[in-house]
Amino acid sequence: MTGETTKSSPTMAKNLIKGLHILNMIAEREEGLTLSEVSRLSEVPKPTAHRLINVLLEYGMVRSGPEGKYLAGPQCLVLGNLFLNGLELRQEAQDLMRKLARDTLETCHLGIKEGTQIVYIEKVESPHAVRMYSRVGATNPVHSTALGRAILAYCGEDDVEAVISSGLERRTPNTITEPEHFRANLAEVKRRGFAVDDIENEEGIRCVAAPVFDHKGDVIAGISISGPEQRVTAERLNELGTKVAGSAFALSERLGYEADGKGGYGSVSG
């Protein structure tokens, strides 16, 4: 029996990885994917892809849609809600985010760093009819977002180098792609207490963000304000950055952060 388990475990692990990869691809596409598209994009033979999708269907992680397409299933929502409801910082942040969105009249996000990506775990919409498109659960690169750099500035050198090594993709003409410029930008974030995405991740969108620290002084998240460049002008960045840093500092204090810890908010803390 031991020999059989040892022999089958690598195959099971590989199939699990393939299945999770397929699930992620399907979940990222609101319009869904056909079996042929899944097979082509995942580079998994169609019979294998079909078998893995059937398992995902059985567990509700995937559902069948129109035109032979597969979409994210209801169990994804269940697991997502369990994850989000378990985040103390999300619950603690909600009233602060609503106030920040109301005071700035722009969209407020709460995000966490997962590897080289930022995951949005909470959002409060701008009251304006024209606003940026985003959704809870979506991701964006760390290097090109204010949220990402607000968090990364207070991470270890290994985290910084991992982001640089993954490639500083040019998302817009303004994206910082030179490693030395990128490191200098992180130093500037620490100096002033907030990060700025000056139309670096998405055309026409500016964003400012500040880090959130826990009771140990470790950075665990970030809060941001985003909006169209016509409203979030270059002249407003310092004002918005100060407000965002103030909200992030208030959330950190709720989580037990003390200002003399190893975190910091530059010249705008308190």
C-alpha atoms as a PDB file:
ATOM      1  CA  MET A   1       0.000   0.000   0.000  1.00  0.00           C
ATOM      2  CA  THR A   2       2.838   2.361   0.813  1.00  0.00           C
ATOM      3  CA  GLY A   3       4.389   1.769  -2.572  1.00  0.00           C
ATOM      4  CA  GLU A   4       1.095   2.565  -4.334  1.00  0.00           C
ATOM      5  CA  THR A   5       0.632   5.798  -2.390  1.00  0.00           C
ATOM      6  CA  THR A   6       4.165   6.955  -3.131  1.00  0.00           C
ATOM      7  CA  LYS A   7       3.726   6.135  -6.795  1.00  0.00           C
ATOM      8  CA  SER A   8       0.347   7.846  -7.199  1.00  0.00           C
ATOM      9  CA  SER A   9       1.026  10.977  -5.129  1.00  0.00           C
ATOM     10  CA  PRO A  10       3.072  12.835  -7.792  1.00  0.00           C
ATOM     11  CA  THR A  11       0.369  12.166 -10.396  1.00  0.00           C
ATOM     12  CA  MET A  12      -2.372  13.332  -8.029  1.00  0.00           C
ATOM     13  CA  ALA A  13      -0.433  16.477  -7.216  1.00  0.00           C
ATOM     14  CA  LYS A  14       0.125  17.254 -10.904  1.00  0.00           C
ATOM     15  CA  ASN A  15      -3.587  16.781 -11.656  1.00  0.00           C
ATOM     16  CA  LEU A  16      -4.492  19.028  -8.724  1.00  0.00           C
ATOM     17  CA  ILE A  17      -2.179  21.749 -10.035  1.00  0.00           C
ATOM     18  CA  LYS A  18      -3.663  21.403 -13.531  1.00  0.00           C
ATOM     19  CA  GLY A  19      -7.193  21.547 -12.136  1.00  0.00           C
ATOM     20  CA  LEU A  20      -6.471  24.663 -10.083  1.00  0.00           C
ATOM     21  CA  HIS A  21      -4.847  26.305 -13.096  1.00  0.00           C
ATOM     22  CA  ILE A  22      -7.931  25.578 -15.182  1.00  0.00           C
ATOM     23  CA  LEU A  23     -10.202  26.895 -12.423  1.00  0.00           C
ATOM     24  CA  ASN A  24      -8.211  30.145 -12.216  1.00  0.00           C
ATOM     25  CA  MET A  25      -8.381  30.621 -15.993  1.00  0.00           C
ATOM     26  CA  ILE A  26     -12.136  30.096 -16.063  1.00  0.00           C
ATOM     27  CA  ALA A  27     -12.723  32.356 -13.051  1.00  0.00           C
ATOM     28  CA  GLU A  28     -10.702  35.202 -14.581  1.00  0.00           C
ATOM     29  CA  ARG A  29     -12.907  35.330 -17.682  1.00  0.00           C
ATOM     30  CA  GLU A  30     -16.418  36.619 -17.058  1.00  0.00           C
ATOM     31  CA  GLU A  31     -17.539  35.405 -20.489  1.00  0.00           C
ATOM     32  CA  GLY A  32     -16.340  31.858 -19.726  1.00  0.00           C
ATOM     33  CA  LEU A  33     -14.248  29.407 -21.747  1.00  0.00           C
ATOM     34  CA  THR A  34     -15.077  26.476 -23.996  1.00  0.00           C
ATOM     35  CA  LEU A  35     -13.371  23.113 -23.568  1.00  0.00           C
ATOM     36  CA  SER A  36     -11.237  23.789 -26.626  1.00  0.00           C
ATOM     37  CA  GLU A  37     -10.165  27.171 -25.217  1.00  0.00           C
ATOM     38  CA  VAL A  38      -9.348  25.629 -21.837  1.00  0.00           C
ATOM     39  CA  SER A  39      -7.257  22.943 -23.512  1.00  0.00           C
ATOM     40  CA  ARG A  40      -5.397  25.432 -25.680  1.00  0.00           C
ATOM     41  CA  LEU A  41      -4.730  28.036 -22.973  1.00  0.00           C
ATOM     42  CA  SER A  42      -3.713  25.510 -20.318  1.00  0.00           C
ATOM     43  CA  GLU A  43      -1.750  23.356 -22.751  1.00  0.00           C
ATOM     44  CA  VAL A  44      -3.577  20.327 -21.339  1.00  0.00           C
ATOM     45  CA  PRO A  45      -4.907  17.649 -23.756  1.00  0.00           C
ATOM     46  CA  LYS A  46      -8.633  17.977 -24.330  1.00  0.00           C
ATOM     47  CA  PRO A  47      -9.553  14.591 -22.745  1.00  0.00           C
ATOM     48  CA  THR A  48      -7.578  15.488 -19.596  1.00  0.00           C
ATOM     49  CA  ALA A  49      -9.080  18.982 -19.479  1.00  0.00           C
ATOM     50  CA  HIS A  50     -12.569  17.492 -19.849  1.00  0.00           C
ATOM     51  CA  ARG A  51     -11.953  15.055 -16.991  1.00  0.00           C
ATOM     52  CA  LEU A  52     -10.671  17.803 -14.692  1.00  0.00           C
ATOM     53  CA  ILE A  53     -13.555  20.123 -15.556  1.00  0.00           C
ATOM     54  CA  ASN A  54     -16.027  17.346 -14.711  1.00  0.00           C
ATOM     55  CA  VAL A  55     -14.498  17.109 -11.232  1.00  0.00           C
ATOM     56  CA  LEU A  56     -14.793  20.892 -10.831  1.00  0.00           C
ATOM     57  CA  LEU A  57     -18.417  20.696 -12.007  1.00  0.00           C
ATOM     58  CA  GLU A  58     -19.160  17.975  -9.442  1.00  0.00           C
ATOM     59  CA  TYR A  59     -17.894  20.145  -6.606  1.00  0.00           C
ATOM     60  CA  GLY A  60     -19.617  23.309  -7.815  1.00  0.00           C
ATOM     61  CA  MET A  61     -16.391  25.147  -8.551  1.00  0.00           C
ATOM     62  CA  VAL A  62     -17.366  25.422 -12.227  1.00  0.00           C
ATOM     63  CA  ARG A  63     -20.762  25.603 -13.923  1.00  0.00           C
ATOM     64  CA  SER A  64     -21.941  25.086 -17.490  1.00  0.00           C
ATOM     65  CA  GLY A  65     -22.964  28.213 -19.356  1.00  0.00           C
ATOM     66  CA  PRO A  66     -24.428  29.074 -22.760  1.00  0.00           C
ATOM     67  CA  GLU A  67     -22.657  28.198 -26.011  1.00  0.00           C
ATOM     68  CA  GLY A  68     -20.772  25.324 -24.399  1.00  0.00           C
ATOM     69  CA  LYS A  69     -18.775  27.603 -22.122  1.00  0.00           C
ATOM     70  CA  TYR A  70     -17.690  26.960 -18.548  1.00  0.00           C
ATOM     71  CA  LEU A  71     -17.900  29.671 -15.891  1.00  0.00           C
ATOM     72  CA  ALA A  72     -16.967  30.025 -12.224  1.00  0.00           C
ATOM     73  CA  GLY A  73     -19.369  28.043 -10.065  1.00  0.00           C
ATOM     74  CA  PRO A  74     -21.313  28.936  -6.902  1.00  0.00           C
ATOM     75  CA  GLN A  75     -18.834  27.199  -4.616  1.00  0.00           C
ATOM     76  CA  CYS A  76     -16.249  29.826  -5.583  1.00  0.00           C
ATOM     77  CA  LEU A  77     -18.514  32.464  -4.059  1.00  0.00           C
ATOM     78  CA  VAL A  78     -19.009  30.382  -0.918  1.00  0.00           C
ATOM     79  CA  LEU A  79     -15.272  29.929  -0.417  1.00  0.00           C
ATOM     80  CA  GLY A  80     -14.599  33.562  -1.297  1.00  0.00           C
ATOM     81  CA  ASN A  81     -17.093  34.783   1.270  1.00  0.00           C
ATOM     82  CA  LEU A  82     -15.635  32.490   3.925  1.00  0.00           C
ATOM     83  CA  PHE A  83     -12.201  33.914   3.177  1.00  0.00           C
ATOM     84  CA  LEU A  84     -13.350  37.536   3.191  1.00  0.00           C
ATOM     85  CA  ASN A  85     -15.472  37.147   6.313  1.00  0.00           C
ATOM     86  CA  GLY A  86     -12.471  35.738   8.114  1.00  0.00           C
ATOM     87  CA  LEU A  87     -10.424  38.849   7.518  1.00  0.00           C
ATOM     88  CA  GLU A  88     -10.560  41.064  10.585  1.00  0.00           C
ATOM     89  CA  LEU A  89      -8.977  43.941   8.737  1.00  0.00           C
ATOM     90  CA  ARG A  90     -11.749  43.951   6.120  1.00  0.00           C
ATOM     91  CA  GLN A  91     -14.399  44.268   8.805  1.00  0.00           C
ATOM     92  CA  GLU A  92     -12.467  46.904  10.687  1.00  0.00           C
ATOM     93  CA  ALA A  93     -11.833  48.909   7.509  1.00  0.00           C
ATOM     94  CA  GLN A  94     -15.367  49.264   6.188  1.00  0.00           C
ATOM     95  CA  ASP A  95     -16.486  52.413   8.028  1.00  0.00           C
ATOM     96  CA  LEU A  96     -13.107  54.085   7.455  1.00  0.00           C
ATOM     97  CA  MET A  97     -13.321  53.291   3.742  1.00  0.00           C
ATOM     98  CA  ARG A  98     -16.856  54.635   3.465  1.00  0.00           C
ATOM     99  CA  LYS A  99     -15.781  57.883   5.104  1.00  0.00           C
ATOM    100  CA  LEU A 100     -12.703  58.156   2.871  1.00  0.00           C
ATOM    101  CA  ALA A 101     -14.792  57.602  -0.261  1.00  0.00           C
ATOM    102  CA  ARG A 102     -17.333  60.141   0.947  1.00  0.00           C
ATOM    103  CA  ASP A 103     -14.678  62.753   1.786  1.00  0.00           C
ATOM    104  CA  THR A 104     -12.755  62.366  -1.479  1.00  0.00           C
ATOM    105  CA  LEU A 105     -15.702  61.434  -3.742  1.00  0.00           C
ATOM    106  CA  GLU A 106     -13.537  58.694  -5.285  1.00  0.00           C
ATOM    107  CA  THR A 107     -13.389  54.885  -5.184  1.00  0.00           C
ATOM    108  CA  CYS A 108     -11.681  53.336  -2.168  1.00  0.00           C
ATOM    109  CA  HIS A 109     -10.002  49.910  -2.195  1.00  0.00           C
ATOM    110  CA  LEU A 110      -8.506  47.649   0.442  1.00  0.00           C
ATOM    111  CA  GLY A 111      -5.910  45.227  -0.902  1.00  0.00           C
ATOM    112  CA  ILE A 112      -3.426  42.603   0.204  1.00  0.00           C
ATOM    113  CA  LYS A 113      -0.233  41.386  -1.443  1.00  0.00           C
ATOM    114  CA  GLU A 114      -0.103  37.821  -2.763  1.00  0.00           C
ATOM    115  CA  GLY A 115       3.273  37.183  -4.344  1.00  0.00           C
ATOM    116  CA  THR A 116       3.725  39.708  -7.142  1.00  0.00           C
ATOM    117  CA  GLN A 117       0.011  40.563  -7.303  1.00  0.00           C
ATOM    118  CA  ILE A 118      -2.358  42.779  -5.356  1.00  0.00           C
ATOM    119  CA  VAL A 119      -5.733  41.213  -4.478  1.00  0.00           C
ATOM    120  CA  TYR A 120      -8.631  43.598  -3.849  1.00  0.00           C
ATOM    121  CA  ILE A 121     -10.563  42.372  -0.803  1.00  0.00           C
ATOM    122  CA  GLU A 122     -12.937  45.306  -0.238  1.00  0.00           C
ATOM    123  CA  LYS A 123     -14.233  48.252  -2.242  1.00  0.00           C
ATOM    124  CA  VAL A 124     -16.384  51.353  -1.704  1.00  0.00           C
ATOM    125  CA  GLU A 125     -17.589  52.984  -4.915  1.00  0.00           C
ATOM    126  CA  SER A 126     -17.280  56.635  -5.819  1.00  0.00           C
ATOM    127  CA  PRO A 127     -20.623  58.474  -5.905  1.00  0.00           C
ATOM    128  CA  HIS A 128     -19.725  59.788  -9.379  1.00  0.00           C
ATOM    129  CA  ALA A 129     -21.335  58.196 -12.420  1.00  0.00           C
ATOM    130  CA  VAL A 130     -17.937  58.002 -14.129  1.00  0.00           C
ATOM    131  CA  ARG A 131     -15.695  55.720 -12.083  1.00  0.00           C
ATOM    132  CA  MET A 132     -12.990  53.121 -12.543  1.00  0.00           C
ATOM    133  CA  TYR A 133     -13.926  49.495 -13.165  1.00  0.00           C
ATOM    134  CA  SER A 134     -12.764  47.056 -10.498  1.00  0.00           C
ATOM    135  CA  ARG A 135     -14.152  44.216  -8.418  1.00  0.00           C
ATOM    136  CA  VAL A 136     -13.433  42.459  -5.150  1.00  0.00           C
ATOM    137  CA  GLY A 137     -11.260  39.423  -5.828  1.00  0.00           C
ATOM    138  CA  ALA A 138      -9.579  40.936  -8.880  1.00  0.00           C
ATOM    139  CA  THR A 139      -5.804  41.283  -9.066  1.00  0.00           C
ATOM    140  CA  ASN A 140      -3.256  43.722 -10.470  1.00  0.00           C
ATOM    141  CA  PRO A 141       0.556  43.739 -10.513  1.00  0.00           C
ATOM    142  CA  VAL A 142       2.346  44.987  -7.420  1.00  0.00           C
ATOM    143  CA  HIS A 143       4.899  47.020  -9.353  1.00  0.00           C
ATOM    144  CA  SER A 144       2.492  49.218 -11.306  1.00  0.00           C
ATOM    145  CA  THR A 145      -0.090  49.962  -8.598  1.00  0.00           C
ATOM    146  CA  ALA A 146      -0.042  52.410  -5.708  1.00  0.00           C
ATOM    147  CA  LEU A 147      -1.456  49.693  -3.436  1.00  0.00           C
ATOM    148  CA  GLY A 148       1.328  47.333  -4.434  1.00  0.00           C
ATOM    149  CA  ARG A 149       4.130  49.799  -3.858  1.00  0.00           C
ATOM    150  CA  ALA A 150       2.607  51.112  -0.614  1.00  0.00           C
ATOM    151  CA  ILE A 151       2.872  47.571   0.763  1.00  0.00           C
ATOM    152  CA  LEU A 152       6.110  46.535  -0.949  1.00  0.00           C
ATOM    153  CA  ALA A 153       7.991  49.566   0.395  1.00  0.00           C
ATOM    154  CA  TYR A 154       7.728  48.031   3.875  1.00  0.00           C
ATOM    155  CA  CYS A 155       8.456  44.421   2.863  1.00  0.00           C
ATOM    156  CA  GLY A 156      11.839  42.737   2.971  1.00  0.00           C
ATOM    157  CA  GLU A 157      14.483  42.977   0.283  1.00  0.00           C
ATOM    158  CA  ASP A 158      13.660  39.457  -0.910  1.00  0.00           C
ATOM    159  CA  ASP A 159      10.093  40.537  -1.683  1.00  0.00           C
ATOM    160  CA  VAL A 160      11.324  43.574  -3.595  1.00  0.00           C
ATOM    161  CA  GLU A 161      13.765  41.512  -5.637  1.00  0.00           C
ATOM    162  CA  ALA A 162      11.085  38.895  -6.359  1.00  0.00           C
ATOM    163  CA  VAL A 163       8.868  41.594  -7.877  1.00  0.00           C
ATOM    164  CA  ILE A 164      11.744  43.006  -9.925  1.00  0.00           C
ATOM    165  CA  SER A 165      12.820  39.527 -11.080  1.00  0.00           C
ATOM    166  CA  SER A 166       9.280  38.728 -12.221  1.00  0.00           C
ATOM    167  CA  GLY A 167       9.566  41.571 -14.733  1.00  0.00           C
ATOM    168  CA  LEU A 168       8.448  45.188 -14.436  1.00  0.00           C
ATOM    169  CA  GLU A 169       5.936  44.996 -17.266  1.00  0.00           C
ATOM    170  CA  ARG A 170       5.118  48.273 -19.008  1.00  0.00           C
ATOM    171  CA  ARG A 171       1.366  48.639 -18.483  1.00  0.00           C
ATOM    172  CA  THR A 172       1.216  52.257 -19.700  1.00  0.00           C
ATOM    173  CA  PRO A 173       3.816  54.732 -20.987  1.00  0.00           C
ATOM    174  CA  ASN A 174       4.233  55.935 -17.375  1.00  0.00           C
ATOM    175  CA  THR A 175       4.989  52.538 -15.787  1.00  0.00           C
ATOM    176  CA  ILE A 176       8.295  52.372 -13.927  1.00  0.00           C
ATOM    177  CA  THR A 177      10.277  49.578 -15.590  1.00  0.00           C
ATOM    178  CA  GLU A 178      13.877  50.329 -14.564  1.00  0.00           C
ATOM    179  CA  PRO A 179      14.904  48.457 -11.360  1.00  0.00           C
ATOM    180  CA  GLU A 180      16.899  51.349  -9.899  1.00  0.00           C
ATOM    181  CA  HIS A 181      14.081  53.813 -10.552  1.00  0.00           C
ATOM    182  CA  PHE A 182      11.689  51.317  -8.983  1.00  0.00           C
ATOM    183  CA  ARG A 183      13.797  50.972  -5.821  1.00  0.00           C
ATOM    184  CA  ALA A 184      14.099  54.757  -5.584  1.00  0.00           C
ATOM    185  CA  ASN A 185      10.327  55.045  -5.850  1.00  0.00           C
ATOM    186  CA  LEU A 186       9.880  52.630  -2.941  1.00  0.00           C
ATOM    187  CA  ALA A 187      12.243  54.754  -0.860  1.00  0.00           C
ATOM    188  CA  GLU A 188      10.135  57.811  -1.718  1.00  0.00           C
ATOM    189  CA  VAL A 189       6.995  55.967  -0.585  1.00  0.00           C
ATOM    190  CA  LYS A 190       8.559  55.408   2.836  1.00  0.00           C
ATOM    191  CA  ARG A 191       9.671  59.037   3.039  1.00  0.00           C
ATOM    192  CA  ARG A 192       6.258  60.578   2.409  1.00  0.00           C
ATOM    193  CA  GLY A 193       4.037  57.806   3.789  1.00  0.00           C
ATOM    194  CA  PHE A 194       1.986  57.026   0.687  1.00  0.00           C
ATOM    195  CA  ALA A 195       2.440  55.734  -2.866  1.00  0.00           C
ATOM    196  CA  VAL A 196       1.264  57.273  -6.132  1.00  0.00           C
ATOM    197  CA  ASP A 197       0.192  55.500  -9.304  1.00  0.00           C
ATOM    198  CA  ASP A 198       0.472  58.317 -11.821  1.00  0.00           C
ATOM    199  CA  ILE A 199      -1.412  56.603 -14.671  1.00  0.00           C
ATOM    200  CA  GLU A 200       1.045  53.699 -14.443  1.00  0.00           C
ATOM    201  CA  ASN A 201      -1.301  50.703 -14.267  1.00  0.00           C
ATOM    202  CA  GLU A 202      -4.338  51.766 -16.293  1.00  0.00           C
ATOM    203  CA  GLU A 203      -4.758  54.507 -18.871  1.00  0.00           C
ATOM    204  CA  GLY A 204      -6.582  57.545 -17.504  1.00  0.00           C
ATOM    205  CA  ILE A 205      -6.540  56.405 -13.847  1.00  0.00           C
ATOM    206  CA  ARG A 206      -4.543  57.865 -10.963  1.00  0.00           C
ATOM    207  CA  CYS A 207      -4.328  56.306  -7.529  1.00  0.00           C
ATOM    208  CA  VAL A 208      -2.788  56.992  -4.120  1.00  0.00           C
ATOM    209  CA  ALA A 209      -2.340  54.356  -1.407  1.00  0.00           C
ATOM    210  CA  ALA A 210      -0.927  53.916   2.082  1.00  0.00           C
ATOM    211  CA  PRO A 211       0.161  50.828   4.042  1.00  0.00           C
ATOM    212  CA  VAL A 212      -1.701  49.117   6.878  1.00  0.00           C
ATOM    213  CA  PHE A 213       0.306  47.552   9.739  1.00  0.00           C
ATOM    214  CA  ASP A 214      -0.622  44.957  12.345  1.00  0.00           C
ATOM    215  CA  HIS A 215       0.142  44.892  16.070  1.00  0.00           C
ATOM    216  CA  LYS A 216       3.688  43.649  15.367  1.00  0.00           C
ATOM    217  CA  GLY A 217       4.411  46.523  12.992  1.00  0.00           C
ATOM    218  CA  ASP A 218       4.333  44.246   9.937  1.00  0.00           C
ATOM    219  CA  VAL A 219       2.705  45.548   6.767  1.00  0.00           C
ATOM    220  CA  ILE A 220      -0.362  43.446   5.957  1.00  0.00           C
ATOM    221  CA  ALA A 221      -2.471  45.488   3.530  1.00  0.00           C
ATOM    222  CA  GLY A 222      -3.026  48.841   1.885  1.00  0.00           C
ATOM    223  CA  ILE A 223      -5.831  51.367   1.404  1.00  0.00           C
ATOM    224  CA  SER A 224      -6.159  53.383  -1.796  1.00  0.00           C
ATOM    225  CA  ILE A 225      -8.198  56.074  -3.515  1.00  0.00           C
ATOM    226  CA  SER A 226      -8.544  55.851  -7.304  1.00  0.00           C
ATOM    227  CA  GLY A 227     -10.275  57.879  -9.966  1.00  0.00           C
ATOM    228  CA  PRO A 228     -10.115  59.353 -13.469  1.00  0.00           C
ATOM    229  CA  GLU A 229      -7.169  61.641 -14.116  1.00  0.00           C
ATOM    230  CA  GLN A 230      -9.575  64.531 -14.790  1.00  0.00           C
ATOM    231  CA  ARG A 231     -10.678  64.415 -11.123  1.00  0.00           C
ATOM    232  CA  VAL A 232      -7.620  62.919  -9.453  1.00  0.00           C
ATOM    233  CA  THR A 233      -5.319  65.594 -10.771  1.00  0.00           C
ATOM    234  CA  ALA A 234      -1.611  65.918 -10.048  1.00  0.00           C
ATOM    235  CA  GLU A 235      -2.437  68.938  -7.860  1.00  0.00           C
ATOM    236  CA  ARG A 236      -4.671  66.770  -5.610  1.00  0.00           C
ATOM    237  CA  LEU A 237      -2.174  63.967  -4.992  1.00  0.00           C
ATOM    238  CA  ASN A 238      -0.668  65.334  -1.765  1.00  0.00           C
ATOM    239  CA  GLU A 239      -4.091  66.149  -0.345  1.00  0.00           C
ATOM    240  CA  LEU A 240      -5.473  62.707  -1.227  1.00  0.00           C
ATOM    241  CA  GLY A 241      -2.308  60.973  -0.065  1.00  0.00           C
ATOM    242  CA  THR A 242      -2.558  62.622   3.345  1.00  0.00           C
ATOM    243  CA  LYS A 243      -6.198  61.538   3.697  1.00  0.00           C
ATOM    244  CA  VAL A 244      -5.457  57.982   2.624  1.00  0.00           C
ATOM    245  CA  ALA A 245      -2.489  57.747   4.997  1.00  0.00           C
ATOM    246  CA  GLY A 246      -4.673  59.019   7.812  1.00  0.00           C
ATOM    247  CA  SER A 247      -7.280  56.329   7.166  1.00  0.00           C
ATOM    248  CA  ALA A 248      -4.601  53.629   6.870  1.00  0.00           C
ATOM    249  CA  PHE A 249      -3.055  54.805  10.141  1.00  0.00           C
ATOM    250  CA  ALA A 250      -6.451  54.677  11.881  1.00  0.00           C
ATOM    251  CA  LEU A 251      -7.013  51.130  10.634  1.00  0.00           C
ATOM    252  CA  SER A 252      -3.528  50.102  11.762  1.00  0.00           C
ATOM    253  CA  GLU A 253      -4.233  51.459  15.246  1.00  0.00           C
ATOM    254  CA  ARG A 254      -7.431  49.394  15.386  1.00  0.00           C
ATOM    255  CA  LEU A 255      -5.296  46.333  14.653  1.00  0.00           C
ATOM    256  CA  GLY A 256      -2.959  47.125  17.534  1.00  0.00           C
ATOM    257  CA  TYR A 257      -0.255  49.040  15.681  1.00  0.00           C
ATOM    258  CA  GLU A 258       1.798  51.509  17.712  1.00  0.00           C
ATOM    259  CA  ALA A 259       3.541  54.408  15.997  1.00  0.00           C
ATOM    260  CA  ASP A 260       6.906  53.556  17.509  1.00  0.00           C
ATOM    261  CA  GLY A 261       6.845  50.133  15.845  1.00  0.00           C
ATOM    262  CA  LYS A 262       8.913  49.268  12.787  1.00  0.00           C
ATOM    263  CA  GLY A 263       6.228  50.475  10.383  1.00  0.00           C
ATOM    264  CA  GLY A 264       5.735  54.112   9.484  1.00  0.00           C
ATOM    265  CA  TYR A 265       3.770  56.778   7.671  1.00  0.00           C
ATOM    266  CA  GLY A 266       6.479  59.235   6.726  1.00  0.00           C
ATOM    267  CA  SER A 267       5.580  62.839   7.455  1.00  0.00           C
ATOM    268  CA  VAL A 268       1.836  62.241   7.503  1.00  0.00           C
ATOM    269  CA  SER A 269       1.439  59.762  10.375  1.00  0.00           C
ATOM    270  CA  GLY A 270      -0.907  60.668  13.139  1.00  0.00           C
END
